[in-house]
Structure formats: structure tokens, C-alpha cells
């Protein structure tokens, strides 16, 4: 704990998520504040990390959702820090109900955190750093916003997608190796293209080979419910597996579950190809089975106790069907 306390005593501190959008957001913040220390964390761990922060002058939090179960405690801690330092909380995840906004809270569910971070610190960034925001947008499936489409016009789109793909695949390949992510974030903050960062191309190649294995495994073993399709224990990227579960299960929603033996839970990645708000459904269903979940309208995650996985999947599938019926009725009323 002492090492953690020392790390969180930097004058300028960046707390960010460890996925591609979080890394790109952190790189943009680091470019704006070169002397900042970067620490990777998550929604479930953020409140605990805030308790170790002392004497910070600037605190930047990127791409970390407000955890519903600890919303009030988190807001209380953040308000206290905002009285002592310059606070920037930059996020794009849907907010819990009754969760207000403060002047230090930069929030927009219509864009990725990378785009939002770039806009917040625009005056401190070079024009070239906008392509790092584009990488983050591509990685979070948020590359169709007016801002990103405008920025893309200044580059060769094909090159941007190659660089973004290299970055995203390498991050997935390394998993939760946060020291790697920190060494990756540093050159990104200096606008080094991903293909020029040591080892990234080889990691991306390995990830592509693994993805093909995932695709073929899911094709062979996917299980289909009435409104969704799922796959369990691919021992690989669950976000990729969820996408292929929807594809090969021929459903709008795909789910991939991976067992975490040490914790006795399943981690789930859920992807939707339709327009049903899976974030809202997850937040209502997961707690009924001793779990938690949430995310975005079309991409979310959950953690479910081992013994509850099967009943959760069926309850979630039932709620998807009910939501589909509501959506269909609304469409019929609009057409009449």
C-alpha cells in the first residue's frame, strides 16, 4: 500500500481505464500535462484509489464509469478533492439514476472519452494529437461522430485504421499488463504512431491469429437462446467472442463468459447489433443474481457469481425479448 500511496502523490495525476479508449484518453491528458503520473484503475476500484490521493494539484480521471453501488460516496470524495485541486472527470458512460453533474464533470454519452479529452484540453494539444483521439474512437466504436469525421479528413483514413488496429489488437493481446500499457501510453502522448512503438506490430499479429481461433471456436460451440447467443470459456478475448457469438448465433445480442476461478465468478462481455439498451437491462437484472453490470447502450459487461450464470443468462434473455416487444410496439404506433 505504501508504494501505491507514493505513486498517487504526484502533483499532476491521471487515472484512466486500461482499454484502448482509456489509454488514448490518458495519452492525450499526458500530452497536455507532460509531467503527470499515469495510474490505471477501474470503476470498482476508483473510490478506494481516491482515498490515497494527497497534495495533488491537478487530478484528471478519464473513461471510468460512475459505479452505481458507490455513487454517493464517490461524489462525496470527488467534491472534497475538487476543493483542493483542479479536477477533470472526463467520461462517456451512462450515468446512474439521480447522479448529478458538477462543473468538473465533463460527460457526453454520444462520444468516446478520447474525443472528449481532446476537446477538453484542445488548447494544450497539438493538432497532430487529434489522431490519437481517432484511435480511441475507433477502438470504442465511436468513430462516426461529427467531430471525429471532421478530424479524419485531415489524414489518410486507411493509415489511421491500420494504426488504430495495430494499437487495439496489441492492447487486447497483453490483457491486464498495466506496466506495458504505461510504456505504451508514453510514446502515444508524444504522437509516436503505433507501428513505430517496439513490439506492437508483432503483438498485433499474435492477436489476429488468436482472433481467428476465437472465431472458429465460437462458430463451433455457440449456444442460442430466444433473443441472444452466448459462448462460455473461450480462454481468450471475451469482447471478440461476444461479437462472434451474435454473428454465428444469428442474434442481435452476443454474450461471452469467462470463469475467474480465484473469485468464483464469470466475467461477461455483451455486444448488441440492434438498438436495445443492454446497459439498462444489465443494471436491473445482474444485481438480482448477486452480480453487477453496465456499460454502454450497445456494449456492456457484467460479473456474475459462478452458480448464477445459467439463470442469469435466461433472465437477461427474457428481458431482451420484453424490450424488443416494447420497441416493436413503439414502431407500430409511430407508423400508424
Protein backbone atom coordinates (compact mmCIF):
# COMPACT_ATOMS: atom_id res chain seq x y z
CA UNK A 1 0.00 0.00 0.00
CA UNK A 2 2.88 2.35 0.69
CA UNK A 3 4.07 2.08 -2.92
CA UNK A 4 0.57 2.95 -4.11
CA UNK A 5 0.44 5.95 -1.77
CA UNK A 6 3.74 7.24 -3.15
CA UNK A 7 2.51 6.85 -6.74
CA UNK A 8 -0.68 8.77 -6.03
CA UNK A 9 1.17 11.74 -4.52
CA UNK A 10 2.23 13.20 -7.89
CA UNK A 11 1.47 16.88 -8.39
CA UNK A 12 -0.44 16.04 -11.56
CA UNK A 13 -2.16 12.68 -11.59
CA UNK A 14 -4.05 10.89 -14.38
CA UNK A 15 -6.34 7.99 -13.51
CA UNK A 16 -7.60 6.19 -16.58
CA UNK A 17 -9.11 2.96 -17.84
CA UNK A 18 -6.91 0.25 -19.38
CA UNK A 19 -8.72 -0.34 -22.68
CA UNK A 20 -7.85 1.37 -25.96
CA UNK A 21 -10.13 4.37 -25.32
CA UNK A 22 -8.78 4.77 -21.80
CA UNK A 23 -5.16 4.53 -22.94
CA UNK A 24 -5.72 7.07 -25.72
CA UNK A 25 -7.56 9.37 -23.31
CA UNK A 26 -4.69 9.05 -20.85
CA UNK A 27 -2.16 9.75 -23.61
CA UNK A 28 -3.99 12.93 -24.59
CA UNK A 29 -4.11 14.08 -20.97
CA UNK A 30 -0.42 13.21 -20.59
CA UNK A 31 0.38 15.23 -23.73
CA UNK A 32 -1.42 18.22 -22.19
CA UNK A 33 0.34 17.66 -18.82
CA UNK A 34 3.73 16.03 -19.64
CA UNK A 35 4.86 15.79 -16.01
CA UNK A 36 1.77 13.86 -14.91
CA UNK A 37 1.91 10.37 -13.44
CA UNK A 38 -0.49 7.86 -15.01
CA UNK A 39 -2.24 5.17 -12.98
CA UNK A 40 -4.67 2.62 -14.43
CA UNK A 41 -7.81 1.77 -12.49
CA UNK A 42 -11.45 0.78 -12.96
CA UNK A 43 -14.93 1.79 -11.77
CA UNK A 44 -14.97 -0.76 -8.94
CA UNK A 45 -11.54 0.35 -7.65
CA UNK A 46 -11.73 4.11 -8.17
CA UNK A 47 -13.21 5.05 -4.79
CA UNK A 48 -10.51 3.13 -2.97
CA UNK A 49 -7.75 4.80 -5.01
CA UNK A 50 -9.11 8.28 -4.31
CA UNK A 51 -8.59 7.73 -0.59
CA UNK A 52 -4.80 7.55 -1.16
CA UNK A 53 -4.52 10.84 -3.06
CA UNK A 54 -2.75 13.64 -1.19
CA UNK A 55 -1.43 17.08 -2.16
CA UNK A 56 -2.28 16.66 -5.84
CA UNK A 57 -2.59 19.93 -7.76
CA UNK A 58 -4.30 18.57 -10.89
CA UNK A 59 -6.34 15.36 -10.99
CA UNK A 60 -7.60 14.01 -14.33
CA UNK A 61 -9.89 10.97 -14.47
CA UNK A 62 -10.62 9.50 -17.91
CA UNK A 63 -13.01 6.85 -19.21
CA UNK A 64 -14.04 5.48 -15.81
CA UNK A 65 -17.76 4.94 -15.32
CA UNK A 66 -19.50 6.07 -12.14
CA UNK A 67 -20.02 2.85 -10.19
CA UNK A 68 -23.70 2.67 -9.32
CA UNK A 69 -23.35 0.98 -5.93
CA UNK A 70 -20.99 3.65 -4.60
CA UNK A 71 -22.23 6.72 -6.48
CA UNK A 72 -22.88 8.91 -3.42
CA UNK A 73 -19.60 8.01 -1.70
CA UNK A 74 -17.67 8.62 -4.93
CA UNK A 75 -19.27 12.02 -5.45
CA UNK A 76 -18.51 12.99 -1.87
CA UNK A 77 -14.84 12.04 -2.30
CA UNK A 78 -14.60 13.87 -5.64
CA UNK A 79 -16.21 17.03 -4.26
CA UNK A 80 -13.67 17.04 -1.45
CA UNK A 81 -10.81 16.71 -3.93
CA UNK A 82 -12.29 19.42 -6.16
CA UNK A 83 -11.95 21.87 -3.26
CA UNK A 84 -8.23 21.09 -3.01
CA UNK A 85 -7.12 20.74 -6.64
CA UNK A 86 -8.06 21.26 -10.30
CA UNK A 87 -10.29 18.29 -11.09
CA UNK A 88 -11.28 16.98 -14.53
CA UNK A 89 -13.57 13.97 -14.64
CA UNK A 90 -13.95 13.02 -18.31
CA UNK A 91 -16.31 10.16 -19.15
CA UNK A 92 -18.89 8.93 -21.64
CA UNK A 93 -20.60 6.05 -19.83
CA UNK A 94 -24.31 6.31 -18.98
CA UNK A 95 -24.81 7.74 -15.52
CA UNK A 96 -26.65 6.01 -12.68
CA UNK A 97 -30.08 7.42 -11.93
CA UNK A 98 -30.10 10.51 -9.68
CA UNK A 99 -26.44 11.14 -10.47
CA UNK A 100 -25.87 14.86 -10.89
CA UNK A 101 -23.18 16.79 -12.74
CA UNK A 102 -20.64 19.21 -11.37
CA UNK A 103 -18.57 21.84 -13.19
CA UNK A 104 -15.56 19.48 -13.08
CA UNK A 105 -17.55 16.65 -14.71
CA UNK A 106 -17.18 16.53 -18.50
CA UNK A 107 -19.72 14.00 -19.68
CA UNK A 108 -21.17 13.05 -23.06
CA UNK A 109 -22.57 9.60 -23.88
CA UNK A 110 -22.58 10.39 -27.60
CA UNK A 111 -18.78 10.32 -27.99
CA UNK A 112 -15.82 8.33 -26.69
CA UNK A 113 -13.63 9.54 -23.83
CA UNK A 114 -10.70 10.11 -26.20
CA UNK A 115 -12.66 12.62 -28.26
CA UNK A 116 -13.96 14.28 -25.11
CA UNK A 117 -10.49 14.50 -23.58
CA UNK A 118 -9.11 16.01 -26.77
CA UNK A 119 -11.84 18.63 -26.74
CA UNK A 120 -11.38 19.46 -23.04
CA UNK A 121 -7.62 20.01 -23.43
CA UNK A 122 -7.68 21.26 -27.02
CA UNK A 123 -5.78 24.47 -26.20
CA UNK A 124 -2.93 22.45 -24.68
CA UNK A 125 -2.60 19.93 -27.51
CA UNK A 126 -1.02 19.99 -30.95
CA UNK A 127 -3.29 19.41 -33.95
CA UNK A 128 -1.49 16.12 -34.61
CA UNK A 129 -2.70 14.66 -31.31
CA UNK A 130 -6.20 14.50 -32.75
CA UNK A 131 -5.26 11.27 -34.46
CA UNK A 132 -4.68 9.69 -31.04
CA UNK A 133 -8.28 10.65 -30.26
CA UNK A 134 -9.29 8.98 -33.52
CA UNK A 135 -7.51 5.76 -32.49
CA UNK A 136 -9.52 5.77 -29.26
CA UNK A 137 -12.75 6.43 -31.13
CA UNK A 138 -12.15 3.53 -33.50
CA UNK A 139 -11.33 1.26 -30.57
CA UNK A 140 -14.58 2.16 -28.81
CA UNK A 141 -16.80 2.01 -31.93
CA UNK A 142 -17.39 5.77 -31.65
CA UNK A 143 -15.77 6.90 -34.91
CA UNK A 144 -18.96 8.14 -36.55
CA UNK A 145 -19.41 11.37 -34.56
CA UNK A 146 -19.36 14.76 -36.33
CA UNK A 147 -16.09 15.71 -34.62
CA UNK A 148 -14.23 12.50 -35.48
CA UNK A 149 -15.47 12.53 -39.07
CA UNK A 150 -14.19 16.09 -39.39
CA UNK A 151 -10.78 15.24 -37.91
CA UNK A 152 -10.41 12.13 -40.09
CA UNK A 153 -10.48 14.31 -43.22
CA UNK A 154 -7.02 15.65 -42.32
CA UNK A 155 -5.47 12.18 -42.58
CA UNK A 156 -5.35 9.17 -44.87
CA UNK A 157 -8.23 7.19 -43.39
CA UNK A 158 -6.67 3.87 -44.41
CA UNK A 159 -3.49 4.65 -42.48
CA UNK A 160 -5.48 5.75 -39.43
CA UNK A 161 -7.36 2.47 -39.32
CA UNK A 162 -4.17 0.47 -39.76
CA UNK A 163 -2.51 2.31 -36.86
CA UNK A 164 -5.64 2.04 -34.70
CA UNK A 165 -5.98 -1.66 -35.48
CA UNK A 166 -2.35 -2.28 -34.54
CA UNK A 167 -2.83 -0.47 -31.25
CA UNK A 168 -6.14 -2.12 -30.36
CA UNK A 169 -5.00 -5.65 -31.15
CA UNK A 170 -1.77 -5.24 -29.18
CA UNK A 171 -3.66 -3.96 -26.13
CA UNK A 172 -6.03 -6.93 -26.27
CA UNK A 173 -3.11 -9.33 -26.64
CA UNK A 174 -1.37 -8.03 -23.49
CA UNK A 175 -4.52 -8.15 -21.36
CA UNK A 176 -4.14 -6.60 -17.93
CA UNK A 177 -0.39 -6.00 -18.03
CA UNK A 178 -0.55 -2.42 -16.81
CA UNK A 179 3.18 -1.75 -16.91
CA UNK A 180 3.07 -2.50 -20.64
CA UNK A 181 0.15 -0.12 -21.01
CA UNK A 182 2.08 2.61 -19.21
CA UNK A 183 5.07 2.18 -21.54
CA UNK A 184 2.67 2.23 -24.47
CA UNK A 185 0.91 5.41 -23.31
CA UNK A 186 4.15 7.40 -23.06
CA UNK A 187 5.05 7.34 -26.81
CA UNK A 188 1.40 7.82 -27.75
CA UNK A 189 1.40 11.03 -25.70
CA UNK A 190 4.27 12.20 -27.93
CA UNK A 191 2.39 11.33 -31.13
CA UNK A 192 4.51 8.28 -32.00
CA UNK A 193 2.47 6.14 -34.40
CA UNK A 194 1.63 2.66 -33.02
CA UNK A 195 3.51 0.79 -35.76
CA UNK A 196 6.71 2.56 -34.63
CA UNK A 197 6.33 1.52 -30.99
CA UNK A 198 8.57 -1.51 -30.30
CA UNK A 199 6.88 -4.93 -30.38
CA UNK A 200 3.41 -3.59 -31.23
CA UNK A 201 3.24 -4.99 -34.75
CA UNK A 202 4.21 -8.47 -33.58
CA UNK A 203 1.70 -8.31 -30.73
CA UNK A 204 -1.00 -7.22 -33.19
CA UNK A 205 -0.10 -10.17 -35.43
CA UNK A 206 -0.39 -12.58 -32.49
CA UNK A 207 -3.76 -11.06 -31.59
CA UNK A 208 -5.01 -11.55 -35.15
CA UNK A 209 -4.03 -15.22 -35.04
CA UNK A 210 -5.82 -15.61 -31.70
CA UNK A 211 -8.90 -13.86 -33.03
CA UNK A 212 -9.15 -16.37 -35.85
CA UNK A 213 -9.02 -19.17 -33.26
CA UNK A 214 -11.78 -17.43 -31.29
CA UNK A 215 -13.93 -17.04 -34.39
CA UNK A 216 -13.69 -20.71 -35.31
CA UNK A 217 -14.27 -21.86 -31.73
CA UNK A 218 -17.37 -19.71 -31.36
CA UNK A 219 -18.67 -20.87 -34.73
CA UNK A 220 -18.48 -24.47 -33.50
CA UNK A 221 -19.67 -24.05 -29.89
CA UNK A 222 -22.05 -21.07 -29.73
CA UNK A 223 -25.29 -21.67 -27.82
CA UNK A 224 -28.51 -19.96 -28.82
CA UNK A 225 -31.35 -18.64 -26.68
CA UNK A 226 -34.51 -16.97 -27.93
CA UNK A 227 -33.11 -13.43 -28.11
CA UNK A 228 -29.38 -13.86 -27.65
CA UNK A 229 -26.47 -16.21 -28.27
CA UNK A 230 -23.64 -16.99 -25.87
CA UNK A 231 -20.31 -18.74 -25.53
CA UNK A 232 -18.55 -19.83 -22.33
CA UNK A 233 -14.82 -20.14 -21.61
CA UNK A 234 -13.03 -19.39 -24.85
CA UNK A 235 -9.90 -18.64 -22.76
CA UNK A 236 -9.34 -15.61 -24.91
CA UNK A 237 -10.74 -12.13 -25.61
CA UNK A 238 -14.34 -12.11 -24.41
CA UNK A 239 -15.18 -8.90 -26.29
CA UNK A 240 -14.22 -10.56 -29.58
CA UNK A 241 -16.05 -13.75 -28.61
CA UNK A 242 -19.25 -11.81 -27.85
CA UNK A 243 -19.19 -10.22 -31.30
CA UNK A 244 -18.83 -13.61 -33.00
CA UNK A 245 -21.47 -15.16 -30.74
CA UNK A 246 -24.01 -12.68 -32.09
CA UNK A 247 -22.83 -13.31 -35.63
CA UNK A 248 -22.82 -17.11 -35.62
CA UNK A 249 -25.81 -17.36 -33.32
CA UNK A 250 -27.68 -15.05 -35.74
CA UNK A 251 -28.99 -12.92 -32.89
CA UNK A 252 -28.85 -9.20 -32.19
CA UNK A 253 -27.08 -9.77 -28.87
CA UNK A 254 -23.96 -11.85 -28.26
CA UNK A 255 -22.56 -12.80 -24.84
CA UNK A 256 -19.19 -14.27 -23.88
CA UNK A 257 -18.49 -15.51 -20.35
CA UNK A 258 -15.11 -16.39 -18.87
CA UNK A 259 -14.70 -18.09 -15.49
CA UNK A 260 -12.40 -16.46 -12.91
CA UNK A 261 -11.51 -19.33 -10.58
CA UNK A 262 -9.86 -17.26 -7.85
CA UNK A 263 -13.00 -15.15 -7.43
CA UNK A 264 -15.62 -17.77 -8.22
CA UNK A 265 -17.32 -15.53 -10.79
CA UNK A 266 -17.87 -15.22 -14.51
CA UNK A 267 -16.83 -12.05 -16.31
CA UNK A 268 -19.16 -11.28 -19.20
CA UNK A 269 -18.82 -9.18 -22.31
CA UNK A 270 -22.07 -8.34 -24.09
CA UNK A 271 -22.40 -6.83 -27.55
CA UNK A 272 -25.55 -5.75 -29.36
CA UNK A 273 -26.11 -5.28 -33.08
CA UNK A 274 -29.59 -3.85 -32.53
CA UNK A 275 -30.98 -0.84 -30.66
CA UNK A 276 -31.91 -2.33 -27.31
CA UNK A 277 -30.26 -0.63 -24.31
CA UNK A 278 -28.33 -3.56 -22.84
CA UNK A 279 -26.76 -1.27 -20.24
CA UNK A 280 -30.14 -0.53 -18.70
CA UNK A 281 -31.19 -4.19 -18.76
CA UNK A 282 -27.92 -5.33 -17.20
CA UNK A 283 -28.17 -2.82 -14.36
CA UNK A 284 -31.61 -4.11 -13.47
CA UNK A 285 -31.02 -7.86 -13.92
CA UNK A 286 -27.45 -8.51 -12.71
CA UNK A 287 -27.98 -7.41 -9.05
CA UNK A 288 -30.88 -9.87 -8.73
CA UNK A 289 -28.36 -12.68 -9.10
CA UNK A 290 -25.66 -11.26 -6.85
CA UNK A 291 -23.79 -9.67 -9.71
CA UNK A 292 -23.13 -6.28 -11.21
CA UNK A 293 -23.12 -4.92 -14.73
CA UNK A 294 -23.40 -1.96 -17.03
CA UNK A 295 -21.64 -0.03 -19.76
CA UNK A 296 -23.00 1.41 -22.97
CA UNK A 297 -26.20 1.02 -24.92
CA UNK A 298 -24.67 -1.49 -27.35
CA UNK A 299 -21.61 -2.71 -25.42
CA UNK A 300 -21.54 -3.67 -21.77
CA UNK A 301 -20.03 -6.04 -19.25
CA UNK A 302 -21.05 -7.91 -16.12
CA UNK A 303 -19.68 -10.02 -13.29
CA UNK A 304 -21.94 -12.88 -12.19
CA UNK A 305 -21.37 -15.48 -9.43
CA UNK A 306 -20.49 -18.93 -10.76
CA UNK A 307 -23.66 -20.63 -9.52
CA UNK A 308 -25.94 -17.99 -11.07
CA UNK A 309 -24.65 -17.88 -14.64
CA UNK A 310 -27.27 -20.08 -16.30
CA UNK A 311 -30.27 -18.49 -14.58
CA UNK A 312 -28.85 -15.01 -15.23
CA UNK A 313 -28.44 -15.72 -18.96
CA UNK A 314 -32.06 -16.83 -19.22
CA UNK A 315 -33.39 -13.92 -17.19
CA UNK A 316 -31.33 -11.48 -19.28
CA UNK A 317 -32.59 -13.12 -22.48
CA UNK A 318 -36.19 -12.80 -21.27
CA UNK A 319 -35.70 -9.07 -20.58
CA UNK A 320 -34.23 -8.65 -24.07
CA UNK A 321 -37.39 -10.17 -25.52
CA UNK A 322 -39.61 -7.86 -23.47
CA UNK A 323 -37.57 -4.84 -24.56
CA UNK A 324 -37.84 -5.94 -28.19
CA UNK A 325 -41.63 -6.17 -27.87
CA UNK A 326 -41.81 -2.66 -26.43
CA UNK A 327 -39.62 -1.35 -29.24
CA UNK A 328 -41.77 -3.06 -31.89
CA UNK A 329 -44.98 -1.66 -30.39
CA UNK A 330 -43.48 1.83 -30.35
CA UNK A 331 -42.51 1.48 -34.01
CA UNK A 332 -46.01 0.32 -34.94
CA UNK A 333 -47.56 3.27 -33.11
CA UNK A 334 -45.23 5.68 -34.86
CA UNK A 335 -46.23 4.24 -38.24
CA UNK A 336 -50.00 4.33 -37.58
